[in-house]
């Protein structure tokens, strides 16, 4: 089994709450956060791209209030 290399989001900076991303050998993308590293979300690069576009566009800002 291939070892996954987790990359910390540069947006997380030095904060305690960090988002990590890893690519799998099969082309999937895995995400987890430092608060609960056992919970891993698996998606495709295309779906992650769509999510990131929405985040950058502010589509989810109302959820942070």
PDB file of N, CA and C in Angstrom:
ATOM      1  N   UNK A   1       0.843  -1.183   0.000  1.00  0.00           N
ATOM      2  CA  UNK A   1       0.000   0.000   0.000  1.00  0.00           C
ATOM      3  C   UNK A   1       0.886   1.244   0.000  1.00  0.00           C
ATOM      4  N   UNK A   2       0.553   2.211  -0.851  1.00  0.00           N
ATOM      5  CA  UNK A   2       1.344   3.436  -0.959  1.00  0.00           C
ATOM      6  C   UNK A   2       1.133   4.326   0.253  1.00  0.00           C
ATOM      7  N   UNK A   3       2.186   4.977   0.654  1.00  0.00           N
ATOM      8  CA  UNK A   3       2.118   5.912   1.766  1.00  0.00           C
ATOM      9  C   UNK A   3       1.567   7.234   1.262  1.00  0.00           C
ATOM     10  N   UNK A   4       0.589   7.753   1.968  1.00  0.00           N
ATOM     11  CA  UNK A   4       0.020   9.050   1.592  1.00  0.00           C
ATOM     12  C   UNK A   4       0.826  10.160   2.245  1.00  0.00           C
ATOM     13  N   UNK A   5       1.129  11.170   1.465  1.00  0.00           N
ATOM     14  CA  UNK A   5       1.841  12.325   1.990  1.00  0.00           C
ATOM     15  C   UNK A   5       0.826  13.445   2.153  1.00  0.00           C
ATOM     16  N   UNK A   6       0.594  13.823   3.406  1.00  0.00           N
ATOM     17  CA  UNK A   6      -0.372  14.869   3.709  1.00  0.00           C
ATOM     18  C   UNK A   6       0.320  16.222   3.634  1.00  0.00           C
ATOM     19  N   UNK A   7      -0.325  17.155   2.958  1.00  0.00           N
ATOM     20  CA  UNK A   7       0.184  18.519   2.829  1.00  0.00           C
ATOM     21  C   UNK A   7      -0.712  19.454   3.614  1.00  0.00           C
ATOM     22  N   UNK A   8      -0.111  20.248   4.467  1.00  0.00           N
ATOM     23  CA  UNK A   8      -0.858  21.227   5.254  1.00  0.00           C
ATOM     24  C   UNK A   8      -1.219  22.422   4.369  1.00  0.00           C
ATOM     25  N   UNK A   9      -2.446  22.883   4.486  1.00  0.00           N
ATOM     26  CA  UNK A   9      -2.880  24.049   3.734  1.00  0.00           C
ATOM     27  C   UNK A   9      -2.053  25.262   4.139  1.00  0.00           C
ATOM     28  N   UNK A  10      -1.561  26.001   3.154  1.00  0.00           N
ATOM     29  CA  UNK A  10      -0.788  27.206   3.453  1.00  0.00           C
ATOM     30  C   UNK A  10      -1.667  28.266   4.106  1.00  0.00           C
ATOM     31  N   UNK A  11      -2.976  28.211   3.876  1.00  0.00           N
ATOM     32  CA  UNK A  11      -3.912  29.157   4.475  1.00  0.00           C
ATOM     33  C   UNK A  11      -3.993  28.953   5.989  1.00  0.00           C
ATOM     34  N   UNK A  12      -3.700  27.737   6.463  1.00  0.00           N
ATOM     35  CA  UNK A  12      -3.781  27.438   7.895  1.00  0.00           C
ATOM     36  C   UNK A  12      -2.721  28.182   8.688  1.00  0.00           C
ATOM     37  N   UNK A  13      -1.604  28.526   8.063  1.00  0.00           N
ATOM     38  CA  UNK A  13      -0.548  29.258   8.753  1.00  0.00           C
ATOM     39  C   UNK A  13      -0.078  28.515   9.988  1.00  0.00           C
ATOM     40  N   UNK A  14       0.045  29.236  11.095  1.00  0.00           N
ATOM     41  CA  UNK A  14       0.498  28.640  12.349  1.00  0.00           C
ATOM     42  C   UNK A  14      -0.651  28.394  13.326  1.00  0.00           C
ATOM     43  N   UNK A  15      -1.875  28.389  12.825  1.00  0.00           N
ATOM     44  CA  UNK A  15      -3.019  28.178  13.704  1.00  0.00           C
ATOM     45  C   UNK A  15      -3.089  26.728  14.155  1.00  0.00           C
ATOM     46  N   UNK A  16      -3.823  26.491  15.214  1.00  0.00           N
ATOM     47  CA  UNK A  16      -3.973  25.137  15.746  1.00  0.00           C
ATOM     48  C   UNK A  16      -4.884  24.289  14.858  1.00  0.00           C
ATOM     49  N   UNK A  17      -5.854  24.912  14.193  1.00  0.00           N
ATOM     50  CA  UNK A  17      -6.776  24.179  13.334  1.00  0.00           C
ATOM     51  C   UNK A  17      -6.255  24.219  11.905  1.00  0.00           C
ATOM     52  N   UNK A  18      -5.883  23.053  11.389  1.00  0.00           N
ATOM     53  CA  UNK A  18      -5.278  22.978  10.068  1.00  0.00           C
ATOM     54  C   UNK A  18      -6.038  22.007   9.180  1.00  0.00           C
ATOM     55  N   UNK A  19      -6.045  22.303   7.903  1.00  0.00           N
ATOM     56  CA  UNK A  19      -6.608  21.407   6.886  1.00  0.00           C
ATOM     57  C   UNK A  19      -5.441  20.735   6.180  1.00  0.00           C
ATOM     58  N   UNK A  20      -5.568  19.429   5.994  1.00  0.00           N
ATOM     59  CA  UNK A  20      -4.543  18.658   5.289  1.00  0.00           C
ATOM     60  C   UNK A  20      -5.148  18.012   4.056  1.00  0.00           C
ATOM     61  N   UNK A  21      -4.341  17.909   2.990  1.00  0.00           N
ATOM     62  CA  UNK A  21      -4.770  17.335   1.724  1.00  0.00           C
ATOM     63  C   UNK A  21      -3.742  16.288   1.303  1.00  0.00           C
ATOM     64  N   UNK A  22      -4.239  15.178   0.737  1.00  0.00           N
ATOM     65  CA  UNK A  22      -3.345  14.144   0.202  1.00  0.00           C
ATOM     66  C   UNK A  22      -3.937  13.589  -1.078  1.00  0.00           C
ATOM     67  N   UNK A  23      -3.067  13.302  -2.036  1.00  0.00           N
ATOM     68  CA  UNK A  23      -3.487  12.659  -3.280  1.00  0.00           C
ATOM     69  C   UNK A  23      -3.256  11.160  -3.145  1.00  0.00           C
ATOM     70  N   UNK A  24      -4.162  10.365  -3.675  1.00  0.00           N
ATOM     71  CA  UNK A  24      -4.003   8.918  -3.633  1.00  0.00           C
ATOM     72  C   UNK A  24      -3.442   8.424  -4.967  1.00  0.00           C
ATOM     73  N   UNK A  25      -2.934   7.221  -4.969  1.00  0.00           N
ATOM     74  CA  UNK A  25      -2.384   6.634  -6.188  1.00  0.00           C
ATOM     75  C   UNK A  25      -3.461   6.482  -7.260  1.00  0.00           C
ATOM     76  N   UNK A  26      -4.714   6.330  -6.834  1.00  0.00           N
ATOM     77  CA  UNK A  26      -5.815   6.172  -7.780  1.00  0.00           C
ATOM     78  C   UNK A  26      -6.361   7.474  -8.331  1.00  0.00           C
ATOM     79  N   UNK A  27      -5.801   8.610  -7.902  1.00  0.00           N
ATOM     80  CA  UNK A  27      -6.233   9.901  -8.420  1.00  0.00           C
ATOM     81  C   UNK A  27      -7.233  10.633  -7.544  1.00  0.00           C
ATOM     82  N   UNK A  28      -7.670  10.024  -6.451  1.00  0.00           N
ATOM     83  CA  UNK A  28      -8.598  10.695  -5.539  1.00  0.00           C
ATOM     84  C   UNK A  28      -7.844  11.703  -4.680  1.00  0.00           C
ATOM     85  N   UNK A  29      -8.587  12.582  -4.053  1.00  0.00           N
ATOM     86  CA  UNK A  29      -8.034  13.569  -3.134  1.00  0.00           C
ATOM     87  C   UNK A  29      -8.669  13.332  -1.775  1.00  0.00           C
ATOM     88  N   UNK A  30      -7.848  13.311  -0.725  1.00  0.00           N
ATOM     89  CA  UNK A  30      -8.349  13.133   0.636  1.00  0.00           C
ATOM     90  C   UNK A  30      -8.103  14.406   1.427  1.00  0.00           C
ATOM     91  N   UNK A  31      -9.067  14.743   2.283  1.00  0.00           N
ATOM     92  CA  UNK A  31      -8.979  15.927   3.126  1.00  0.00           C
ATOM     93  C   UNK A  31      -9.258  15.533   4.569  1.00  0.00           C
ATOM     94  N   UNK A  32      -8.560  16.170   5.496  1.00  0.00           N
ATOM     95  CA  UNK A  32      -8.880  16.002   6.916  1.00  0.00           C
ATOM     96  C   UNK A  32      -8.469  17.271   7.639  1.00  0.00           C
ATOM     97  N   UNK A  33      -8.934  17.418   8.850  1.00  0.00           N
ATOM     98  CA  UNK A  33      -8.531  18.569   9.649  1.00  0.00           C
ATOM     99  C   UNK A  33      -7.892  18.087  10.935  1.00  0.00           C
ATOM    100  N   UNK A  34      -7.030  18.906  11.485  1.00  0.00           N
ATOM    101  CA  UNK A  34      -6.248  18.504  12.646  1.00  0.00           C
ATOM    102  C   UNK A  34      -7.104  18.247  13.876  1.00  0.00           C
ATOM    103  N   UNK A  35      -8.279  18.869  13.972  1.00  0.00           N
ATOM    104  CA  UNK A  35      -9.151  18.660  15.126  1.00  0.00           C
ATOM    105  C   UNK A  35      -9.654  17.229  15.232  1.00  0.00           C
ATOM    106  N   UNK A  36      -9.859  16.573  14.094  1.00  0.00           N
ATOM    107  CA  UNK A  36     -10.399  15.210  14.071  1.00  0.00           C
ATOM    108  C   UNK A  36      -9.771  14.444  12.909  1.00  0.00           C
ATOM    109  N   UNK A  37      -8.482  14.098  13.012  1.00  0.00           N
ATOM    110  CA  UNK A  37      -7.759  13.514  11.883  1.00  0.00           C
ATOM    111  C   UNK A  37      -8.248  12.136  11.452  1.00  0.00           C
ATOM    112  N   UNK A  38      -9.056  11.487  12.261  1.00  0.00           N
ATOM    113  CA  UNK A  38      -9.586  10.177  11.884  1.00  0.00           C
ATOM    114  C   UNK A  38     -10.716  10.293  10.855  1.00  0.00           C
ATOM    115  N   UNK A  39     -11.327  11.472  10.749  1.00  0.00           N
ATOM    116  CA  UNK A  39     -12.385  11.703   9.771  1.00  0.00           C
ATOM    117  C   UNK A  39     -11.731  12.211   8.494  1.00  0.00           C
ATOM    118  N   UNK A  40     -11.840  11.422   7.436  1.00  0.00           N
ATOM    119  CA  UNK A  40     -11.212  11.757   6.163  1.00  0.00           C
ATOM    120  C   UNK A  40     -12.292  11.794   5.091  1.00  0.00           C
ATOM    121  N   UNK A  41     -12.306  12.870   4.328  1.00  0.00           N
ATOM    122  CA  UNK A  41     -13.229  13.025   3.211  1.00  0.00           C
ATOM    123  C   UNK A  41     -12.457  12.703   1.938  1.00  0.00           C
ATOM    124  N   UNK A  42     -13.038  11.875   1.094  1.00  0.00           N
ATOM    125  CA  UNK A  42     -12.416  11.525  -0.181  1.00  0.00           C
ATOM    126  C   UNK A  42     -13.271  12.078  -1.310  1.00  0.00           C
ATOM    127  N   UNK A  43     -12.613  12.715  -2.262  1.00  0.00           N
ATOM    128  CA  UNK A  43     -13.314  13.309  -3.397  1.00  0.00           C
ATOM    129  C   UNK A  43     -12.440  13.211  -4.643  1.00  0.00           C
ATOM    130  N   UNK A  44     -12.911  13.790  -5.718  1.00  0.00           N
ATOM    131  CA  UNK A  44     -12.137  13.829  -6.956  1.00  0.00           C
ATOM    132  C   UNK A  44     -11.508  15.210  -7.103  1.00  0.00           C
ATOM    133  N   UNK A  45     -10.458  15.322  -7.894  1.00  0.00           N
ATOM    134  CA  UNK A  45      -9.875  16.651  -8.126  1.00  0.00           C
ATOM    135  C   UNK A  45     -10.884  17.642  -8.713  1.00  0.00           C
ATOM    136  N   UNK A  46     -11.746  17.183  -9.614  1.00  0.00           N
ATOM    137  CA  UNK A  46     -12.744  18.086 -10.204  1.00  0.00           C
ATOM    138  C   UNK A  46     -13.726  18.609  -9.165  1.00  0.00           C
ATOM    139  N   UNK A  47     -14.202  17.743  -8.299  1.00  0.00           N
ATOM    140  CA  UNK A  47     -15.152  18.183  -7.264  1.00  0.00           C
ATOM    141  C   UNK A  47     -14.485  19.116  -6.267  1.00  0.00           C
ATOM    142  N   UNK A  48     -13.236  18.844  -5.929  1.00  0.00           N
ATOM    143  CA  UNK A  48     -12.506  19.735  -5.025  1.00  0.00           C
ATOM    144  C   UNK A  48     -12.327  21.101  -5.676  1.00  0.00           C
ATOM    145  N   UNK A  49     -12.027  21.122  -6.960  1.00  0.00           N
ATOM    146  CA  UNK A  49     -11.875  22.378  -7.692  1.00  0.00           C
ATOM    147  C   UNK A  49     -13.155  23.209  -7.642  1.00  0.00           C
ATOM    148  N   UNK A  50     -14.306  22.560  -7.821  1.00  0.00           N
ATOM    149  CA  UNK A  50     -15.594  23.250  -7.769  1.00  0.00           C
ATOM    150  C   UNK A  50     -15.834  23.813  -6.365  1.00  0.00           C
ATOM    151  N   UNK A  51     -15.525  23.023  -5.337  1.00  0.00           N
ATOM    152  CA  UNK A  51     -15.684  23.491  -3.956  1.00  0.00           C
ATOM    153  C   UNK A  51     -14.805  24.709  -3.696  1.00  0.00           C
ATOM    154  N   UNK A  52     -13.554  24.644  -4.115  1.00  0.00           N
ATOM    155  CA  UNK A  52     -12.642  25.763  -3.880  1.00  0.00           C
ATOM    156  C   UNK A  52     -13.087  27.028  -4.601  1.00  0.00           C
ATOM    157  N   UNK A  53     -13.605  26.873  -5.809  1.00  0.00           N
ATOM    158  CA  UNK A  53     -14.148  28.044  -6.518  1.00  0.00           C
ATOM    159  C   UNK A  53     -15.287  28.674  -5.734  1.00  0.00           C
ATOM    160  N   UNK A  54     -16.167  27.837  -5.187  1.00  0.00           N
ATOM    161  CA  UNK A  54     -17.283  28.345  -4.394  1.00  0.00           C
ATOM    162  C   UNK A  54     -16.823  29.046  -3.136  1.00  0.00           C
ATOM    163  N   UNK A  55     -15.810  28.480  -2.481  1.00  0.00           N
ATOM    164  CA  UNK A  55     -15.264  29.109  -1.266  1.00  0.00           C
ATOM    165  C   UNK A  55     -14.670  30.466  -1.612  1.00  0.00           C
ATOM    166  N   UNK A  56     -13.870  30.502  -2.669  1.00  0.00           N
ATOM    167  CA  UNK A  56     -13.242  31.770  -3.079  1.00  0.00           C
ATOM    168  C   UNK A  56     -14.281  32.816  -3.472  1.00  0.00           C
ATOM    169  N   UNK A  57     -15.381  32.375  -4.041  1.00  0.00           N
ATOM    170  CA  UNK A  57     -16.447  33.299  -4.473  1.00  0.00           C
ATOM    171  C   UNK A  57     -17.341  33.743  -3.325  1.00  0.00           C
ATOM    172  N   UNK A  58     -17.136  33.165  -2.134  1.00  0.00           N
ATOM    173  CA  UNK A  58     -17.924  33.568  -0.975  1.00  0.00           C
ATOM    174  C   UNK A  58     -19.282  32.878  -0.873  1.00  0.00           C
ATOM    175  N   UNK A  59     -19.489  31.796  -1.627  1.00  0.00           N
ATOM    176  CA  UNK A  59     -20.785  31.126  -1.628  1.00  0.00           C
ATOM    177  C   UNK A  59     -21.161  30.516  -0.275  1.00  0.00           C
ATOM    178  N   UNK A  60     -20.180  30.315   0.590  1.00  0.00           N
ATOM    179  CA  UNK A  60     -20.456  29.658   1.873  1.00  0.00           C
ATOM    180  C   UNK A  60     -20.235  30.588   3.060  1.00  0.00           C
ATOM    181  N   UNK A  61     -20.003  31.847   2.796  1.00  0.00           N
ATOM    182  CA  UNK A  61     -19.716  32.804   3.876  1.00  0.00           C
ATOM    183  C   UNK A  61     -20.832  32.847   4.914  1.00  0.00           C
ATOM    184  N   UNK A  62     -22.057  32.662   4.483  1.00  0.00           N
ATOM    185  CA  UNK A  62     -23.192  32.735   5.417  1.00  0.00           C
ATOM    186  C   UNK A  62     -23.120  31.611   6.460  1.00  0.00           C
ATOM    187  N   UNK A  63     -22.398  30.557   6.194  1.00  0.00           N
ATOM    188  CA  UNK A  63     -22.276  29.447   7.150  1.00  0.00           C
ATOM    189  C   UNK A  63     -21.293  29.760   8.277  1.00  0.00           C
ATOM    190  N   UNK A  64     -20.467  30.759   8.094  1.00  0.00           N
ATOM    191  CA  UNK A  64     -19.460  31.111   9.096  1.00  0.00           C
ATOM    192  C   UNK A  64     -19.967  32.133  10.110  1.00  0.00           C
ATOM    193  N   UNK A  65     -21.171  32.611   9.921  1.00  0.00           N
ATOM    194  CA  UNK A  65     -21.714  33.636  10.843  1.00  0.00           C
ATOM    195  C   UNK A  65     -22.171  33.036  12.150  1.00  0.00           C
TER     196      UNK A  65
END
